[in-house]
């Protein structure tokens, strides 16, 4: 996958002056899901630091019961505490994993920072074991850098 070729479209989606932030984020999720064949669920979680919980934002993919996740629980909750990317090549091998669907085989979560504060994350599930590379991480960091400009 040539992620460089996708960057301009990410900027275009997030620059749409006629759309509200959540619409831009939903359109971004749809674009990523449609463009990268192993991005099967793409969504954002946003932090409530007072309650130490993550709350599901715009997403594309199968419905999930995990609309609120406590910090520390699951991959997303761990990223809320660690402030670091988390790539899970095989979710079956992960102890602190919250199963969303039996079809999910791997996951990548990249934190979203605004003014140095982790306000949430982009979360991507794949139906493929171990598809995520360093290039995915760098691209999703770019995506979140662009998303942070909306806040």
C-alpha atoms as a PDB file:
ATOM      1  CA  UNK A   1       0.000   0.000   0.000  1.00  0.00           C
ATOM      2  CA  UNK A   2       1.351   3.414  -1.000  1.00  0.00           C
ATOM      3  CA  UNK A   3       0.178   5.598   1.869  1.00  0.00           C
ATOM      4  CA  UNK A   4       1.869   8.711   0.466  1.00  0.00           C
ATOM      5  CA  UNK A   5      -0.718   8.761  -2.311  1.00  0.00           C
ATOM      6  CA  UNK A   6      -3.545   8.881   0.260  1.00  0.00           C
ATOM      7  CA  UNK A   7      -2.342  11.896   2.226  1.00  0.00           C
ATOM      8  CA  UNK A   8      -3.765  14.549  -0.107  1.00  0.00           C
ATOM      9  CA  UNK A   9      -7.225  12.959   0.057  1.00  0.00           C
ATOM     10  CA  UNK A  10      -7.059  12.852   3.875  1.00  0.00           C
ATOM     11  CA  UNK A  11      -6.348  16.593   3.899  1.00  0.00           C
ATOM     12  CA  UNK A  12      -9.160  17.244   1.405  1.00  0.00           C
ATOM     13  CA  UNK A  13     -11.705  15.303   3.486  1.00  0.00           C
ATOM     14  CA  UNK A  14     -10.728  17.095   6.690  1.00  0.00           C
ATOM     15  CA  UNK A  15     -10.704  20.517   4.991  1.00  0.00           C
ATOM     16  CA  UNK A  16     -14.311  20.344   3.772  1.00  0.00           C
ATOM     17  CA  UNK A  17     -15.692  23.701   4.908  1.00  0.00           C
ATOM     18  CA  UNK A  18     -19.286  22.507   4.373  1.00  0.00           C
ATOM     19  CA  UNK A  19     -19.094  19.633   6.878  1.00  0.00           C
ATOM     20  CA  UNK A  20     -19.100  19.540  10.665  1.00  0.00           C
ATOM     21  CA  UNK A  21     -16.259  17.789  12.504  1.00  0.00           C
ATOM     22  CA  UNK A  22     -18.102  14.497  13.089  1.00  0.00           C
ATOM     23  CA  UNK A  23     -19.106  14.311   9.414  1.00  0.00           C
ATOM     24  CA  UNK A  24     -15.489  14.905   8.385  1.00  0.00           C
ATOM     25  CA  UNK A  25     -14.352  12.144  10.745  1.00  0.00           C
ATOM     26  CA  UNK A  26     -17.016   9.726   9.475  1.00  0.00           C
ATOM     27  CA  UNK A  27     -16.031  10.516   5.872  1.00  0.00           C
ATOM     28  CA  UNK A  28     -12.391   9.934   6.780  1.00  0.00           C
ATOM     29  CA  UNK A  29     -13.259   6.558   8.343  1.00  0.00           C
ATOM     30  CA  UNK A  30     -15.196   5.605   5.205  1.00  0.00           C
ATOM     31  CA  UNK A  31     -12.308   6.662   2.958  1.00  0.00           C
ATOM     32  CA  UNK A  32      -9.780   4.622   4.955  1.00  0.00           C
ATOM     33  CA  UNK A  33     -12.074   1.585   5.057  1.00  0.00           C
ATOM     34  CA  UNK A  34     -12.768   1.800   1.326  1.00  0.00           C
ATOM     35  CA  UNK A  35      -9.152   2.428   0.325  1.00  0.00           C
ATOM     36  CA  UNK A  36      -7.111   0.058   2.492  1.00  0.00           C
ATOM     37  CA  UNK A  37      -8.494  -3.439   1.968  1.00  0.00           C
ATOM     38  CA  UNK A  38      -7.428  -4.756   5.393  1.00  0.00           C
ATOM     39  CA  UNK A  39      -8.950  -1.792   7.309  1.00  0.00           C
ATOM     40  CA  UNK A  40     -12.237  -3.530   8.124  1.00  0.00           C
ATOM     41  CA  UNK A  41     -13.401  -1.361  11.052  1.00  0.00           C
ATOM     42  CA  UNK A  42     -12.201   2.219  11.370  1.00  0.00           C
ATOM     43  CA  UNK A  43     -13.259   4.529  14.161  1.00  0.00           C
ATOM     44  CA  UNK A  44     -12.374   7.125  16.737  1.00  0.00           C
ATOM     45  CA  UNK A  45     -12.641   6.996  20.504  1.00  0.00           C
ATOM     46  CA  UNK A  46     -12.452  10.199  22.535  1.00  0.00           C
ATOM     47  CA  UNK A  47     -11.231  10.507  26.111  1.00  0.00           C
ATOM     48  CA  UNK A  48     -13.117  11.788  29.108  1.00  0.00           C
ATOM     49  CA  UNK A  49     -10.168  12.340  31.437  1.00  0.00           C
ATOM     50  CA  UNK A  50     -12.386  13.194  34.391  1.00  0.00           C
ATOM     51  CA  UNK A  51     -14.113   9.788  34.295  1.00  0.00           C
ATOM     52  CA  UNK A  52     -11.101   7.963  32.792  1.00  0.00           C
ATOM     53  CA  UNK A  53     -13.210   6.558  29.970  1.00  0.00           C
ATOM     54  CA  UNK A  54     -13.114   6.477  26.187  1.00  0.00           C
ATOM     55  CA  UNK A  55     -16.276   7.199  24.214  1.00  0.00           C
ATOM     56  CA  UNK A  56     -16.975   5.944  20.718  1.00  0.00           C
ATOM     57  CA  UNK A  57     -17.041   8.654  18.077  1.00  0.00           C
ATOM     58  CA  UNK A  58     -17.568   8.394  14.328  1.00  0.00           C
ATOM     59  CA  UNK A  59     -16.778   4.985  12.866  1.00  0.00           C
ATOM     60  CA  UNK A  60     -17.373   2.732   9.881  1.00  0.00           C
ATOM     61  CA  UNK A  61     -17.786  -1.025  10.146  1.00  0.00           C
ATOM     62  CA  UNK A  62     -19.753  -3.558  12.118  1.00  0.00           C
ATOM     63  CA  UNK A  63     -21.730  -2.214  15.056  1.00  0.00           C
ATOM     64  CA  UNK A  64     -20.015  -2.494  18.414  1.00  0.00           C
ATOM     65  CA  UNK A  65     -21.279  -2.742  21.973  1.00  0.00           C
ATOM     66  CA  UNK A  66     -18.062  -1.078  23.130  1.00  0.00           C
ATOM     67  CA  UNK A  67     -19.225   2.520  23.161  1.00  0.00           C
ATOM     68  CA  UNK A  68     -17.538   3.307  26.500  1.00  0.00           C
ATOM     69  CA  UNK A  69     -14.178   1.773  27.448  1.00  0.00           C
ATOM     70  CA  UNK A  70     -12.438   2.370  30.786  1.00  0.00           C
ATOM     71  CA  UNK A  71      -8.823   3.529  30.640  1.00  0.00           C
ATOM     72  CA  UNK A  72      -6.566   0.480  30.912  1.00  0.00           C
ATOM     73  CA  UNK A  73      -9.124  -1.991  29.511  1.00  0.00           C
ATOM     74  CA  UNK A  74      -8.515  -3.545  26.128  1.00  0.00           C
ATOM     75  CA  UNK A  75      -6.150  -2.198  23.512  1.00  0.00           C
ATOM     76  CA  UNK A  76      -7.847   1.212  23.327  1.00  0.00           C
ATOM     77  CA  UNK A  77      -7.869   1.609  27.096  1.00  0.00           C
ATOM     78  CA  UNK A  78      -4.188   0.743  27.280  1.00  0.00           C
ATOM     79  CA  UNK A  79      -3.348   3.376  24.640  1.00  0.00           C
ATOM     80  CA  UNK A  80      -5.305   5.946  26.671  1.00  0.00           C
ATOM     81  CA  UNK A  81      -2.843   5.329  29.506  1.00  0.00           C
ATOM     82  CA  UNK A  82       0.401   4.655  27.617  1.00  0.00           C
ATOM     83  CA  UNK A  83       0.093   7.454  25.024  1.00  0.00           C
ATOM     84  CA  UNK A  84       1.816   5.086  22.588  1.00  0.00           C
ATOM     85  CA  UNK A  85       0.811   3.252  19.431  1.00  0.00           C
ATOM     86  CA  UNK A  86      -0.290  -0.319  19.976  1.00  0.00           C
ATOM     87  CA  UNK A  87      -0.167  -2.875  17.167  1.00  0.00           C
ATOM     88  CA  UNK A  88      -1.698  -6.276  17.856  1.00  0.00           C
ATOM     89  CA  UNK A  89      -0.723  -8.754  15.119  1.00  0.00           C
ATOM     90  CA  UNK A  90      -3.042 -11.463  16.494  1.00  0.00           C
ATOM     91  CA  UNK A  91      -5.785 -10.510  18.955  1.00  0.00           C
ATOM     92  CA  UNK A  92      -6.120 -14.141  20.076  1.00  0.00           C
ATOM     93  CA  UNK A  93      -2.655 -13.877  21.638  1.00  0.00           C
ATOM     94  CA  UNK A  94      -3.495 -10.709  23.606  1.00  0.00           C
ATOM     95  CA  UNK A  95      -4.544 -11.092  27.253  1.00  0.00           C
ATOM     96  CA  UNK A  96      -6.171  -7.679  27.738  1.00  0.00           C
ATOM     97  CA  UNK A  97      -8.233  -7.705  24.533  1.00  0.00           C
ATOM     98  CA  UNK A  98     -11.920  -6.807  24.359  1.00  0.00           C
ATOM     99  CA  UNK A  99     -13.423  -9.044  21.684  1.00  0.00           C
ATOM    100  CA  UNK A 100     -15.689  -7.151  19.327  1.00  0.00           C
ATOM    101  CA  UNK A 101     -16.263  -9.866  16.763  1.00  0.00           C
ATOM    102  CA  UNK A 102     -14.880 -13.275  15.925  1.00  0.00           C
ATOM    103  CA  UNK A 103     -13.941 -11.850  12.510  1.00  0.00           C
ATOM    104  CA  UNK A 104     -11.383  -9.448  14.031  1.00  0.00           C
ATOM    105  CA  UNK A 105      -7.896 -10.934  13.823  1.00  0.00           C
ATOM    106  CA  UNK A 106      -5.654  -7.911  14.414  1.00  0.00           C
ATOM    107  CA  UNK A 107      -5.831  -4.308  15.583  1.00  0.00           C
ATOM    108  CA  UNK A 108      -3.885  -1.058  15.494  1.00  0.00           C
ATOM    109  CA  UNK A 109      -4.555   1.906  17.770  1.00  0.00           C
ATOM    110  CA  UNK A 110      -2.783   5.258  17.423  1.00  0.00           C
ATOM    111  CA  UNK A 111      -3.308   8.043  19.984  1.00  0.00           C
ATOM    112  CA  UNK A 112      -4.629  11.456  18.959  1.00  0.00           C
ATOM    113  CA  UNK A 113      -2.861  14.393  20.587  1.00  0.00           C
ATOM    114  CA  UNK A 114      -4.048  17.986  20.758  1.00  0.00           C
ATOM    115  CA  UNK A 115      -1.611  20.432  22.391  1.00  0.00           C
ATOM    116  CA  UNK A 116       0.292  17.498  23.887  1.00  0.00           C
ATOM    117  CA  UNK A 117      -2.793  15.885  25.478  1.00  0.00           C
ATOM    118  CA  UNK A 118      -4.048  12.462  24.388  1.00  0.00           C
ATOM    119  CA  UNK A 119      -7.684  13.305  23.592  1.00  0.00           C
ATOM    120  CA  UNK A 120      -8.494   9.993  21.922  1.00  0.00           C
ATOM    121  CA  UNK A 121      -7.376   7.610  19.231  1.00  0.00           C
ATOM    122  CA  UNK A 122      -7.985   6.076  15.882  1.00  0.00           C
ATOM    123  CA  UNK A 123      -8.758   2.368  16.156  1.00  0.00           C
ATOM    124  CA  UNK A 124      -8.592  -0.028  13.218  1.00  0.00           C
ATOM    125  CA  UNK A 125      -9.565  -3.687  13.220  1.00  0.00           C
ATOM    126  CA  UNK A 126      -8.627  -6.133  10.485  1.00  0.00           C
ATOM    127  CA  UNK A 127      -9.983  -9.514   9.484  1.00  0.00           C
ATOM    128  CA  UNK A 128      -6.400 -10.490   8.565  1.00  0.00           C
ATOM    129  CA  UNK A 129      -3.678 -11.676  10.944  1.00  0.00           C
ATOM    130  CA  UNK A 130      -0.640  -9.372  11.112  1.00  0.00           C
ATOM    131  CA  UNK A 131      -1.321  -6.931   8.228  1.00  0.00           C
ATOM    132  CA  UNK A 132      -0.109  -3.751   9.948  1.00  0.00           C
ATOM    133  CA  UNK A 133       3.383  -2.463   9.200  1.00  0.00           C
ATOM    134  CA  UNK A 134       5.523   0.466  10.237  1.00  0.00           C
ATOM    135  CA  UNK A 135       4.069   2.263   7.195  1.00  0.00           C
ATOM    136  CA  UNK A 136       0.547   1.919   8.654  1.00  0.00           C
ATOM    137  CA  UNK A 137       1.741   3.432  11.933  1.00  0.00           C
ATOM    138  CA  UNK A 138       3.439   6.384  10.247  1.00  0.00           C
ATOM    139  CA  UNK A 139       0.397   6.988   8.009  1.00  0.00           C
ATOM    140  CA  UNK A 140      -2.054   6.869  10.933  1.00  0.00           C
ATOM    141  CA  UNK A 141       0.175   9.258  12.878  1.00  0.00           C
ATOM    142  CA  UNK A 142      -0.105  11.616   9.885  1.00  0.00           C
ATOM    143  CA  UNK A 143      -3.886  11.107   9.837  1.00  0.00           C
ATOM    144  CA  UNK A 144      -4.114  12.017  13.528  1.00  0.00           C
ATOM    145  CA  UNK A 145      -1.882  15.055  13.044  1.00  0.00           C
ATOM    146  CA  UNK A 146      -4.394  16.263  10.459  1.00  0.00           C
ATOM    147  CA  UNK A 147      -7.398  15.354  12.649  1.00  0.00           C
ATOM    148  CA  UNK A 148      -5.899  17.273  15.588  1.00  0.00           C
ATOM    149  CA  UNK A 149      -6.306  20.497  13.584  1.00  0.00           C
ATOM    150  CA  UNK A 150     -10.088  20.085  13.932  1.00  0.00           C
ATOM    151  CA  UNK A 151      -9.914  20.568  17.728  1.00  0.00           C
END
